[in-house]
């Protein structure tokens, strides 16, 4: 028989996550004859903070109820509190698109 820890799920072990995204986009269109050229860029800055609000946790394991009564440990483990972790990343997304008209009278038909 194993008696261990007496831990129950509670809000003390939750991880808090706070994120912010800052972004900006810009485009430029140039028409030259039958070509329409679009150039642009997107920039995104992601900030993500994770923190553990939980307390440090330990687990005591007893092999028998009698060992529990006599406080004779079979195993012990300890998990410390997580520290604040911050992730930062910047994404650059440039693009160039060329749209070419085969003929000015050619159009698309949609339903």
PDB file of N, CA and C in Angstrom:
ATOM      1  N   UNK A   1       0.845  -1.179   0.000  1.00  0.00           N
ATOM      2  CA  UNK A   1       0.000   0.000   0.000  1.00  0.00           C
ATOM      3  C   UNK A   1       0.889   1.240   0.000  1.00  0.00           C
ATOM      4  N   UNK A   2       0.438   2.244  -0.673  1.00  0.00           N
ATOM      5  CA  UNK A   2       1.210   3.481  -0.734  1.00  0.00           C
ATOM      6  C   UNK A   2       0.330   4.656  -0.338  1.00  0.00           C
ATOM      7  N   UNK A   3       0.774   5.408   0.642  1.00  0.00           N
ATOM      8  CA  UNK A   3       0.088   6.622   1.056  1.00  0.00           C
ATOM      9  C   UNK A   3       1.020   7.759   0.685  1.00  0.00           C
ATOM     10  N   UNK A   4       0.543   8.700  -0.097  1.00  0.00           N
ATOM     11  CA  UNK A   4       1.481   9.746  -0.506  1.00  0.00           C
ATOM     12  C   UNK A   4       0.835  11.113  -0.480  1.00  0.00           C
ATOM     13  N   UNK A   5       1.634  12.083  -0.141  1.00  0.00           N
ATOM     14  CA  UNK A   5       1.433  13.488  -0.294  1.00  0.00           C
ATOM     15  C   UNK A   5       0.213  14.217   0.186  1.00  0.00           C
ATOM     16  N   UNK A   6      -0.961  13.645   0.067  1.00  0.00           N
ATOM     17  CA  UNK A   6      -2.206  14.300   0.434  1.00  0.00           C
ATOM     18  C   UNK A   6      -2.428  15.607  -0.315  1.00  0.00           C
ATOM     19  N   UNK A   7      -1.876  15.707  -1.509  1.00  0.00           N
ATOM     20  CA  UNK A   7      -2.069  16.911  -2.318  1.00  0.00           C
ATOM     21  C   UNK A   7      -3.393  16.836  -3.063  1.00  0.00           C
ATOM     22  N   UNK A   8      -4.090  17.938  -3.099  1.00  0.00           N
ATOM     23  CA  UNK A   8      -5.298  18.041  -3.895  1.00  0.00           C
ATOM     24  C   UNK A   8      -5.155  19.232  -4.823  1.00  0.00           C
ATOM     25  N   UNK A   9      -5.748  19.171  -6.006  1.00  0.00           N
ATOM     26  CA  UNK A   9      -5.654  20.314  -6.914  1.00  0.00           C
ATOM     27  C   UNK A   9      -6.265  21.565  -6.283  1.00  0.00           C
ATOM     28  N   UNK A  10      -5.574  22.663  -6.403  1.00  0.00           N
ATOM     29  CA  UNK A  10      -6.117  23.923  -5.922  1.00  0.00           C
ATOM     30  C   UNK A  10      -5.498  25.062  -6.728  1.00  0.00           C
ATOM     31  N   UNK A  11      -5.986  26.246  -6.529  1.00  0.00           N
ATOM     32  CA  UNK A  11      -5.540  27.394  -7.316  1.00  0.00           C
ATOM     33  C   UNK A  11      -4.130  27.845  -6.979  1.00  0.00           C
ATOM     34  N   UNK A  12      -3.519  27.318  -5.937  1.00  0.00           N
ATOM     35  CA  UNK A  12      -2.153  27.696  -5.604  1.00  0.00           C
ATOM     36  C   UNK A  12      -1.140  27.180  -6.619  1.00  0.00           C
ATOM     37  N   UNK A  13      -1.547  26.229  -7.465  1.00  0.00           N
ATOM     38  CA  UNK A  13      -0.619  25.638  -8.413  1.00  0.00           C
ATOM     39  C   UNK A  13      -0.874  26.116  -9.839  1.00  0.00           C
ATOM     40  N   UNK A  14      -1.619  27.191 -10.020  1.00  0.00           N
ATOM     41  CA  UNK A  14      -1.913  27.683 -11.358  1.00  0.00           C
ATOM     42  C   UNK A  14      -0.742  28.474 -11.923  1.00  0.00           C
ATOM     43  N   UNK A  15      -0.620  28.431 -13.234  1.00  0.00           N
ATOM     44  CA  UNK A  15       0.388  29.201 -13.944  1.00  0.00           C
ATOM     45  C   UNK A  15      -0.317  30.386 -14.593  1.00  0.00           C
ATOM     46  N   UNK A  16       0.210  31.572 -14.393  1.00  0.00           N
ATOM     47  CA  UNK A  16      -0.383  32.778 -14.962  1.00  0.00           C
ATOM     48  C   UNK A  16       0.373  33.144 -16.226  1.00  0.00           C
ATOM     49  N   UNK A  17      -0.366  33.436 -17.281  1.00  0.00           N
ATOM     50  CA  UNK A  17       0.250  33.788 -18.554  1.00  0.00           C
ATOM     51  C   UNK A  17      -0.293  35.134 -19.012  1.00  0.00           C
ATOM     52  N   UNK A  18       0.610  36.082 -19.262  1.00  0.00           N
ATOM     53  CA  UNK A  18       0.228  37.408 -19.722  1.00  0.00           C
ATOM     54  C   UNK A  18       0.967  37.678 -21.025  1.00  0.00           C
ATOM     55  N   UNK A  19       0.215  37.958 -22.080  1.00  0.00           N
ATOM     56  CA  UNK A  19       0.839  38.177 -23.379  1.00  0.00           C
ATOM     57  C   UNK A  19       0.425  39.495 -24.001  1.00  0.00           C
ATOM     58  N   UNK A  20       1.353  40.064 -24.769  1.00  0.00           N
ATOM     59  CA  UNK A  20       1.101  41.303 -25.497  1.00  0.00           C
ATOM     60  C   UNK A  20       1.689  41.163 -26.894  1.00  0.00           C
ATOM     61  N   UNK A  21       0.940  41.611 -27.888  1.00  0.00           N
ATOM     62  CA  UNK A  21       1.453  41.634 -29.256  1.00  0.00           C
ATOM     63  C   UNK A  21       1.329  43.047 -29.798  1.00  0.00           C
ATOM     64  N   UNK A  22       2.427  43.550 -30.327  1.00  0.00           N
ATOM     65  CA  UNK A  22       2.459  44.860 -30.968  1.00  0.00           C
ATOM     66  C   UNK A  22       2.780  44.603 -32.432  1.00  0.00           C
ATOM     67  N   UNK A  23       1.963  45.154 -33.340  1.00  0.00           N
ATOM     68  CA  UNK A  23       2.226  44.883 -34.755  1.00  0.00           C
ATOM     69  C   UNK A  23       2.034  46.122 -35.614  1.00  0.00           C
ATOM     70  N   UNK A  24       2.634  46.074 -36.782  1.00  0.00           N
ATOM     71  CA  UNK A  24       2.498  47.147 -37.756  1.00  0.00           C
ATOM     72  C   UNK A  24       2.664  46.574 -39.154  1.00  0.00           C
ATOM     73  N   UNK A  25       1.888  47.085 -40.090  1.00  0.00           N
ATOM     74  CA  UNK A  25       1.925  46.619 -41.473  1.00  0.00           C
ATOM     75  C   UNK A  25       1.920  47.832 -42.396  1.00  0.00           C
ATOM     76  N   UNK A  26       2.600  47.704 -43.528  1.00  0.00           N
ATOM     77  CA  UNK A  26       2.589  48.779 -44.516  1.00  0.00           C
ATOM     78  C   UNK A  26       2.681  48.164 -45.902  1.00  0.00           C
ATOM     79  N   UNK A  27       1.975  48.780 -46.876  1.00  0.00           N
ATOM     80  CA  UNK A  27       1.921  48.276 -48.251  1.00  0.00           C
ATOM     81  C   UNK A  27       2.147  49.413 -49.237  1.00  0.00           C
ATOM     82  N   UNK A  28       2.636  49.044 -50.418  1.00  0.00           N
ATOM     83  CA  UNK A  28       2.799  49.993 -51.513  1.00  0.00           C
ATOM     84  C   UNK A  28       2.378  49.281 -52.790  1.00  0.00           C
ATOM     85  N   UNK A  29       1.514  49.917 -53.586  1.00  0.00           N
ATOM     86  CA  UNK A  29       1.085  49.367 -54.878  1.00  0.00           C
ATOM     87  C   UNK A  29       1.601  50.252 -56.001  1.00  0.00           C
ATOM     88  N   UNK A  30       2.182  49.628 -57.030  1.00  0.00           N
ATOM     89  CA  UNK A  30       2.709  50.339 -58.198  1.00  0.00           C
ATOM     90  C   UNK A  30       2.092  49.708 -59.440  1.00  0.00           C
ATOM     91  N   UNK A  31       1.490  50.541 -60.313  1.00  0.00           N
ATOM     92  CA  UNK A  31       0.898  50.052 -61.558  1.00  0.00           C
ATOM     93  C   UNK A  31       1.790  50.508 -62.701  1.00  0.00           C
ATOM     94  N   UNK A  32       2.284  49.555 -63.494  1.00  0.00           N
ATOM     95  CA  UNK A  32       3.120  49.822 -64.660  1.00  0.00           C
ATOM     96  C   UNK A  32       2.604  48.972 -65.817  1.00  0.00           C
ATOM     97  N   UNK A  33       1.894  49.591 -66.728  1.00  0.00           N
ATOM     98  CA  UNK A  33       1.350  48.855 -67.873  1.00  0.00           C
ATOM     99  C   UNK A  33       0.371  47.798 -67.423  1.00  0.00           C
ATOM    100  N   UNK A  34       0.669  46.537 -67.783  1.00  0.00           N
ATOM    101  CA  UNK A  34      -0.217  45.421 -67.418  1.00  0.00           C
ATOM    102  C   UNK A  34       0.169  44.777 -66.087  1.00  0.00           C
ATOM    103  N   UNK A  35       1.139  45.347 -65.411  1.00  0.00           N
ATOM    104  CA  UNK A  35       1.596  44.820 -64.119  1.00  0.00           C
ATOM    105  C   UNK A  35       1.070  45.682 -62.968  1.00  0.00           C
ATOM    106  N   UNK A  36       0.622  45.019 -61.925  1.00  0.00           N
ATOM    107  CA  UNK A  36       0.342  45.680 -60.648  1.00  0.00           C
ATOM    108  C   UNK A  36       1.248  45.015 -59.620  1.00  0.00           C
ATOM    109  N   UNK A  37       2.192  45.779 -59.125  1.00  0.00           N
ATOM    110  CA  UNK A  37       3.166  45.244 -58.174  1.00  0.00           C
ATOM    111  C   UNK A  37       2.814  45.755 -56.778  1.00  0.00           C
ATOM    112  N   UNK A  38       2.707  44.826 -55.852  1.00  0.00           N
ATOM    113  CA  UNK A  38       2.425  45.176 -54.453  1.00  0.00           C
ATOM    114  C   UNK A  38       3.619  44.741 -53.615  1.00  0.00           C
ATOM    115  N   UNK A  39       4.100  45.669 -52.796  1.00  0.00           N
ATOM    116  CA  UNK A  39       5.239  45.420 -51.907  1.00  0.00           C
ATOM    117  C   UNK A  39       4.787  45.789 -50.499  1.00  0.00           C
ATOM    118  N   UNK A  40       5.143  44.980 -49.551  1.00  0.00           N
ATOM    119  CA  UNK A  40       4.740  45.296 -48.177  1.00  0.00           C
ATOM    120  C   UNK A  40       5.562  44.559 -47.150  1.00  0.00           C
ATOM    121  N   UNK A  41       5.353  44.940 -45.914  1.00  0.00           N
ATOM    122  CA  UNK A  41       6.023  44.278 -44.792  1.00  0.00           C
ATOM    123  C   UNK A  41       5.100  44.307 -43.566  1.00  0.00           C
ATOM    124  N   UNK A  42       5.179  43.269 -42.805  1.00  0.00           N
ATOM    125  CA  UNK A  42       4.505  43.207 -41.515  1.00  0.00           C
ATOM    126  C   UNK A  42       5.549  42.929 -40.449  1.00  0.00           C
ATOM    127  N   UNK A  43       5.436  43.603 -39.335  1.00  0.00           N
ATOM    128  CA  UNK A  43       6.342  43.398 -38.211  1.00  0.00           C
ATOM    129  C   UNK A  43       5.488  43.161 -36.974  1.00  0.00           C
ATOM    130  N   UNK A  44       5.755  42.060 -36.272  1.00  0.00           N
ATOM    131  CA  UNK A  44       5.031  41.740 -35.043  1.00  0.00           C
ATOM    132  C   UNK A  44       6.028  41.479 -33.920  1.00  0.00           C
ATOM    133  N   UNK A  45       5.764  42.062 -32.766  1.00  0.00           N
ATOM    134  CA  UNK A  45       6.582  41.852 -31.565  1.00  0.00           C
ATOM    135  C   UNK A  45       5.699  41.151 -30.544  1.00  0.00           C
ATOM    136  N   UNK A  46       6.069  39.939 -30.185  1.00  0.00           N
ATOM    137  CA  UNK A  46       5.311  39.152 -29.212  1.00  0.00           C
ATOM    138  C   UNK A  46       6.063  39.128 -27.887  1.00  0.00           C
ATOM    139  N   UNK A  47       5.337  39.427 -26.816  1.00  0.00           N
ATOM    140  CA  UNK A  47       5.886  39.349 -25.456  1.00  0.00           C
ATOM    141  C   UNK A  47       4.974  38.443 -24.641  1.00  0.00           C
ATOM    142  N   UNK A  48       5.542  37.406 -24.056  1.00  0.00           N
ATOM    143  CA  UNK A  48       4.751  36.450 -23.291  1.00  0.00           C
ATOM    144  C   UNK A  48       5.451  36.180 -21.970  1.00  0.00           C
ATOM    145  N   UNK A  49       4.765  36.472 -20.869  1.00  0.00           N
ATOM    146  CA  UNK A  49       5.309  36.232 -19.532  1.00  0.00           C
ATOM    147  C   UNK A  49       4.531  35.105 -18.872  1.00  0.00           C
ATOM    148  N   UNK A  50       5.246  34.117 -18.387  1.00  0.00           N
ATOM    149  CA  UNK A  50       4.651  33.019 -17.628  1.00  0.00           C
ATOM    150  C   UNK A  50       5.213  33.067 -16.222  1.00  0.00           C
ATOM    151  N   UNK A  51       4.361  32.883 -15.248  1.00  0.00           N
ATOM    152  CA  UNK A  51       4.847  32.843 -13.870  1.00  0.00           C
ATOM    153  C   UNK A  51       4.033  31.833 -13.089  1.00  0.00           C
ATOM    154  N   UNK A  52       4.665  31.203 -12.168  1.00  0.00           N
ATOM    155  CA  UNK A  52       3.961  30.267 -11.309  1.00  0.00           C
ATOM    156  C   UNK A  52       3.614  30.977 -10.006  1.00  0.00           C
ATOM    157  N   UNK A  53       2.353  30.989  -9.689  1.00  0.00           N
ATOM    158  CA  UNK A  53       1.939  31.562  -8.417  1.00  0.00           C
ATOM    159  C   UNK A  53       1.885  30.492  -7.342  1.00  0.00           C
ATOM    160  N   UNK A  54       2.216  29.271  -7.720  1.00  0.00           N
ATOM    161  CA  UNK A  54       2.120  28.174  -6.775  1.00  0.00           C
ATOM    162  C   UNK A  54       3.227  28.203  -5.747  1.00  0.00           C
ATOM    163  N   UNK A  55       2.987  27.484  -4.688  1.00  0.00           N
ATOM    164  CA  UNK A  55       3.999  27.351  -3.645  1.00  0.00           C
ATOM    165  C   UNK A  55       4.817  26.098  -3.935  1.00  0.00           C
ATOM    166  N   UNK A  56       5.990  26.015  -3.358  1.00  0.00           N
ATOM    167  CA  UNK A  56       6.800  24.814  -3.511  1.00  0.00           C
ATOM    168  C   UNK A  56       6.019  23.625  -2.956  1.00  0.00           C
ATOM    169  N   UNK A  57       6.159  22.463  -3.596  1.00  0.00           N
ATOM    170  CA  UNK A  57       5.374  21.297  -3.201  1.00  0.00           C
ATOM    171  C   UNK A  57       6.291  20.112  -2.915  1.00  0.00           C
ATOM    172  N   UNK A  58       5.936  19.320  -1.937  1.00  0.00           N
ATOM    173  CA  UNK A  58       6.664  18.109  -1.613  1.00  0.00           C
ATOM    174  C   UNK A  58       5.716  16.935  -1.510  1.00  0.00           C
ATOM    175  N   UNK A  59       6.235  15.727  -1.714  1.00  0.00           N
ATOM    176  CA  UNK A  59       5.424  14.517  -1.618  1.00  0.00           C
ATOM    177  C   UNK A  59       6.118  13.530  -0.691  1.00  0.00           C
ATOM    178  N   UNK A  60       5.391  13.035   0.282  1.00  0.00           N
ATOM    179  CA  UNK A  60       5.879  12.005   1.191  1.00  0.00           C
ATOM    180  C   UNK A  60       5.198  10.692   0.822  1.00  0.00           C
ATOM    181  N   UNK A  61       5.963   9.615   0.728  1.00  0.00           N
ATOM    182  CA  UNK A  61       5.399   8.311   0.373  1.00  0.00           C
ATOM    183  C   UNK A  61       5.719   7.309   1.480  1.00  0.00           C
ATOM    184  N   UNK A  62       4.679   6.624   1.948  1.00  0.00           N
ATOM    185  CA  UNK A  62       4.812   5.593   2.979  1.00  0.00           C
ATOM    186  C   UNK A  62       4.398   4.265   2.374  1.00  0.00           C
ATOM    187  N   UNK A  63       5.146   3.202   2.649  1.00  0.00           N
ATOM    188  CA  UNK A  63       4.840   1.897   2.041  1.00  0.00           C
ATOM    189  C   UNK A  63       3.675   1.180   2.734  1.00  0.00           C
ATOM    190  N   UNK A  64       3.423   1.502   3.986  1.00  0.00           N
ATOM    191  CA  UNK A  64       2.311   0.855   4.713  1.00  0.00           C
ATOM    192  C   UNK A  64       1.649   1.880   5.631  1.00  0.00           C
ATOM    193  N   UNK A  65       0.416   1.624   6.041  1.00  0.00           N
ATOM    194  CA  UNK A  65      -0.222   2.519   7.006  1.00  0.00           C
ATOM    195  C   UNK A  65       0.560   2.582   8.335  1.00  0.00           C
ATOM    196  N   UNK A  66       1.173   1.457   8.739  1.00  0.00           N
ATOM    197  CA  UNK A  66       1.943   1.448   9.986  1.00  0.00           C
ATOM    198  C   UNK A  66       3.171   2.356   9.867  1.00  0.00           C
ATOM    199  N   UNK A  67       3.824   2.355   8.698  1.00  0.00           N
ATOM    200  CA  UNK A  67       4.948   3.263   8.479  1.00  0.00           C
ATOM    201  C   UNK A  67       4.484   4.713   8.537  1.00  0.00           C
ATOM    202  N   UNK A  68       3.279   4.961   8.066  1.00  0.00           N
ATOM    203  CA  UNK A  68       2.720   6.309   8.153  1.00  0.00           C
ATOM    204  C   UNK A  68       2.538   6.731   9.609  1.00  0.00           C
ATOM    205  N   UNK A  69       1.961   5.839  10.405  1.00  0.00           N
ATOM    206  CA  UNK A  69       1.737   6.133  11.823  1.00  0.00           C
ATOM    207  C   UNK A  69       3.066   6.384  12.529  1.00  0.00           C
ATOM    208  N   UNK A  70       4.084   5.592  12.177  1.00  0.00           N
ATOM    209  CA  UNK A  70       5.404   5.716  12.808  1.00  0.00           C
ATOM    210  C   UNK A  70       6.295   6.748  12.101  1.00  0.00           C
ATOM    211  N   UNK A  71       5.772   7.380  11.060  1.00  0.00           N
ATOM    212  CA  UNK A  71       6.504   8.375  10.283  1.00  0.00           C
ATOM    213  C   UNK A  71       7.824   7.824   9.724  1.00  0.00           C
ATOM    214  N   UNK A  72       7.727   6.626   9.116  1.00  0.00           N
ATOM    215  CA  UNK A  72       8.878   6.013   8.453  1.00  0.00           C
ATOM    216  C   UNK A  72       8.675   6.210   6.957  1.00  0.00           C
ATOM    217  N   UNK A  73       9.418   7.132   6.404  1.00  0.00           N
ATOM    218  CA  UNK A  73       9.257   7.481   4.992  1.00  0.00           C
ATOM    219  C   UNK A  73       9.834   6.416   4.079  1.00  0.00           C
ATOM    220  N   UNK A  74       9.122   6.147   2.989  1.00  0.00           N
ATOM    221  CA  UNK A  74       9.636   5.267   1.946  1.00  0.00           C
ATOM    222  C   UNK A  74      10.290   6.098   0.846  1.00  0.00           C
ATOM    223  N   UNK A  75       9.710   7.281   0.582  1.00  0.00           N
ATOM    224  CA  UNK A  75      10.265   8.149  -0.463  1.00  0.00           C
ATOM    225  C   UNK A  75       9.819   9.583  -0.191  1.00  0.00           C
ATOM    226  N   UNK A  76      10.628  10.531  -0.654  1.00  0.00           N
ATOM    227  CA  UNK A  76      10.304  11.944  -0.504  1.00  0.00           C
ATOM    228  C   UNK A  76      10.743  12.667  -1.771  1.00  0.00           C
ATOM    229  N   UNK A  77       9.888  13.537  -2.292  1.00  0.00           N
ATOM    230  CA  UNK A  77      10.276  14.350  -3.458  1.00  0.00           C
ATOM    231  C   UNK A  77       9.862  15.788  -3.207  1.00  0.00           C
ATOM    232  N   UNK A  78      10.608  16.711  -3.804  1.00  0.00           N
ATOM    233  CA  UNK A  78      10.361  18.133  -3.615  1.00  0.00           C
ATOM    234  C   UNK A  78      10.409  18.828  -4.972  1.00  0.00           C
ATOM    235  N   UNK A  79       9.398  19.623  -5.252  1.00  0.00           N
ATOM    236  CA  UNK A  79       9.358  20.418  -6.476  1.00  0.00           C
ATOM    237  C   UNK A  79       9.282  21.879  -6.071  1.00  0.00           C
ATOM    238  N   UNK A  80      10.293  22.658  -6.442  1.00  0.00           N
ATOM    239  CA  UNK A  80      10.327  24.074  -6.077  1.00  0.00           C
ATOM    240  C   UNK A  80       9.393  24.899  -6.939  1.00  0.00           C
ATOM    241  N   UNK A  81       9.151  26.095  -6.512  1.00  0.00           N
ATOM    242  CA  UNK A  81       8.276  27.016  -7.235  1.00  0.00           C
ATOM    243  C   UNK A  81       8.943  27.460  -8.532  1.00  0.00           C
ATOM    244  N   UNK A  82       8.148  27.543  -9.600  1.00  0.00           N
ATOM    245  CA  UNK A  82       8.666  28.024 -10.874  1.00  0.00           C
ATOM    246  C   UNK A  82       8.935  29.518 -10.799  1.00  0.00           C
ATOM    247  N   UNK A  83       9.918  29.955 -11.535  1.00  0.00           N
ATOM    248  CA  UNK A  83      10.245  31.381 -11.568  1.00  0.00           C
ATOM    249  C   UNK A  83       9.599  32.034 -12.783  1.00  0.00           C
ATOM    250  N   UNK A  84       9.632  33.346 -12.814  1.00  0.00           N
ATOM    251  CA  UNK A  84       9.075  34.101 -13.927  1.00  0.00           C
ATOM    252  C   UNK A  84       9.864  33.816 -15.187  1.00  0.00           C
ATOM    253  N   UNK A  85       9.162  33.514 -16.265  1.00  0.00           N
ATOM    254  CA  UNK A  85       9.804  33.276 -17.549  1.00  0.00           C
ATOM    255  C   UNK A  85       9.247  34.231 -18.580  1.00  0.00           C
ATOM    256  N   UNK A  86      10.109  34.901 -19.302  1.00  0.00           N
ATOM    257  CA  UNK A  86       9.659  35.847 -20.324  1.00  0.00           C
ATOM    258  C   UNK A  86      10.148  35.436 -21.694  1.00  0.00           C
ATOM    259  N   UNK A  87       9.235  35.305 -22.628  1.00  0.00           N
ATOM    260  CA  UNK A  87       9.585  34.974 -24.008  1.00  0.00           C
ATOM    261  C   UNK A  87       9.356  36.194 -24.878  1.00  0.00           C
ATOM    262  N   UNK A  88      10.323  36.520 -25.704  1.00  0.00           N
ATOM    263  CA  UNK A  88      10.239  37.662 -26.616  1.00  0.00           C
ATOM    264  C   UNK A  88      10.599  37.183 -28.012  1.00  0.00           C
ATOM    265  N   UNK A  89       9.817  37.624 -28.991  1.00  0.00           N
ATOM    266  CA  UNK A  89      10.114  37.256 -30.366  1.00  0.00           C
ATOM    267  C   UNK A  89       9.584  38.324 -31.297  1.00  0.00           C
ATOM    268  N   UNK A  90      10.367  38.643 -32.323  1.00  0.00           N
ATOM    269  CA  UNK A  90       9.950  39.601 -33.344  1.00  0.00           C
ATOM    270  C   UNK A  90       9.893  38.883 -34.680  1.00  0.00           C
ATOM    271  N   UNK A  91       8.781  39.068 -35.392  1.00  0.00           N
ATOM    272  CA  UNK A  91       8.590  38.467 -36.707  1.00  0.00           C
ATOM    273  C   UNK A  91       8.609  39.561 -37.772  1.00  0.00           C
ATOM    274  N   UNK A  92       9.399  39.354 -38.828  1.00  0.00           N
ATOM    275  CA  UNK A  92       9.421  40.242 -39.991  1.00  0.00           C
ATOM    276  C   UNK A  92       8.854  39.452 -41.168  1.00  0.00           C
ATOM    277  N   UNK A  93       7.825  40.016 -41.827  1.00  0.00           N
ATOM    278  CA  UNK A  93       7.141  39.293 -42.899  1.00  0.00           C
ATOM    279  C   UNK A  93       7.033  40.164 -44.147  1.00  0.00           C
ATOM    280  N   UNK A  94       8.110  40.265 -44.946  1.00  0.00           N
ATOM    281  CA  UNK A  94       8.040  41.064 -46.173  1.00  0.00           C
ATOM    282  C   UNK A  94       7.406  40.247 -47.312  1.00  0.00           C
ATOM    283  N   UNK A  95       6.847  40.951 -48.288  1.00  0.00           N
ATOM    284  CA  UNK A  95       6.317  40.251 -49.460  1.00  0.00           C
ATOM    285  C   UNK A  95       6.360  41.157 -50.691  1.00  0.00           C
ATOM    286  N   UNK A  96       6.383  40.494 -51.857  1.00  0.00           N
ATOM    287  CA  UNK A  96       6.276  41.169 -53.159  1.00  0.00           C
ATOM    288  C   UNK A  96       5.319  40.335 -53.990  1.00  0.00           C
ATOM    289  N   UNK A  97       4.364  41.008 -54.637  1.00  0.00           N
ATOM    290  CA  UNK A  97       3.381  40.312 -55.464  1.00  0.00           C
ATOM    291  C   UNK A  97       3.263  41.053 -56.781  1.00  0.00           C
ATOM    292  N   UNK A  98       3.310  40.303 -57.889  1.00  0.00           N
ATOM    293  CA  UNK A  98       3.146  40.888 -59.225  1.00  0.00           C
ATOM    294  C   UNK A  98       1.902  40.279 -59.855  1.00  0.00           C
ATOM    295  N   UNK A  99       0.923  41.124 -60.140  1.00  0.00           N
ATOM    296  CA  UNK A  99      -0.283  40.679 -60.840  1.00  0.00           C
ATOM    297  C   UNK A  99      -0.169  41.158 -62.279  1.00  0.00           C
ATOM    298  N   UNK A 100      -0.262  40.214 -63.219  1.00  0.00           N
ATOM    299  CA  UNK A 100      -0.079  40.516 -64.640  1.00  0.00           C
ATOM    300  C   UNK A 100      -1.388  40.257 -65.381  1.00  0.00           C
ATOM    301  N   UNK A 101      -1.862  41.265 -66.131  1.00  0.00           N
ATOM    302  CA  UNK A 101      -3.063  41.115 -66.951  1.00  0.00           C
ATOM    303  C   UNK A 101      -2.635  40.680 -68.348  1.00  0.00           C
ATOM    304  N   UNK A 102      -3.140  39.528 -68.783  1.00  0.00           N
ATOM    305  CA  UNK A 102      -2.825  39.041 -70.126  1.00  0.00           C
ATOM    306  C   UNK A 102      -3.438  39.957 -71.159  1.00  0.00           C
ATOM    307  N   UNK A 103      -4.683  40.394 -70.896  1.00  0.00           N
ATOM    308  CA  UNK A 103      -5.388  41.283 -71.817  1.00  0.00           C
ATOM    309  C   UNK A 103      -6.331  42.154 -70.993  1.00  0.00           C
ATOM    310  N   UNK A 104      -6.522  43.382 -71.417  1.00  0.00           N
ATOM    311  CA  UNK A 104      -7.421  44.264 -70.676  1.00  0.00           C
ATOM    312  C   UNK A 104      -8.885  43.827 -70.794  1.00  0.00           C
ATOM    313  N   UNK A 105      -9.197  43.016 -71.818  1.00  0.00           N
ATOM    314  CA  UNK A 105     -10.591  42.542 -71.985  1.00  0.00           C
ATOM    315  C   UNK A 105     -10.836  41.208 -71.275  1.00  0.00           C
ATOM    316  N   UNK A 106      -9.799  40.584 -70.757  1.00  0.00           N
ATOM    317  CA  UNK A 106      -9.951  39.308 -70.066  1.00  0.00           C
ATOM    318  C   UNK A 106     -10.395  39.558 -68.620  1.00  0.00           C
ATOM    319  N   UNK A 107     -11.548  39.007 -68.243  1.00  0.00           N
ATOM    320  CA  UNK A 107     -12.048  39.148 -66.874  1.00  0.00           C
ATOM    321  C   UNK A 107     -12.422  37.789 -66.316  1.00  0.00           C
ATOM    322  N   UNK A 108     -12.578  37.711 -65.028  1.00  0.00           N
ATOM    323  CA  UNK A 108     -12.993  36.469 -64.397  1.00  0.00           C
ATOM    324  C   UNK A 108     -14.500  36.466 -64.248  1.00  0.00           C
ATOM    325  N   UNK A 109     -15.087  35.273 -64.331  1.00  0.00           N
ATOM    326  CA  UNK A 109     -16.528  35.120 -64.168  1.00  0.00           C
ATOM    327  C   UNK A 109     -16.750  34.327 -62.884  1.00  0.00           C
ATOM    328  N   UNK A 110     -17.618  34.866 -62.028  1.00  0.00           N
ATOM    329  CA  UNK A 110     -17.922  34.142 -60.783  1.00  0.00           C
ATOM    330  C   UNK A 110     -19.401  33.874 -60.723  1.00  0.00           C
ATOM    331  N   UNK A 111     -19.770  32.839 -59.974  1.00  0.00           N
ATOM    332  CA  UNK A 111     -21.191  32.448 -59.834  1.00  0.00           C
ATOM    333  C   UNK A 111     -21.922  33.401 -58.958  1.00  0.00           C
TER     334      UNK A 111
END
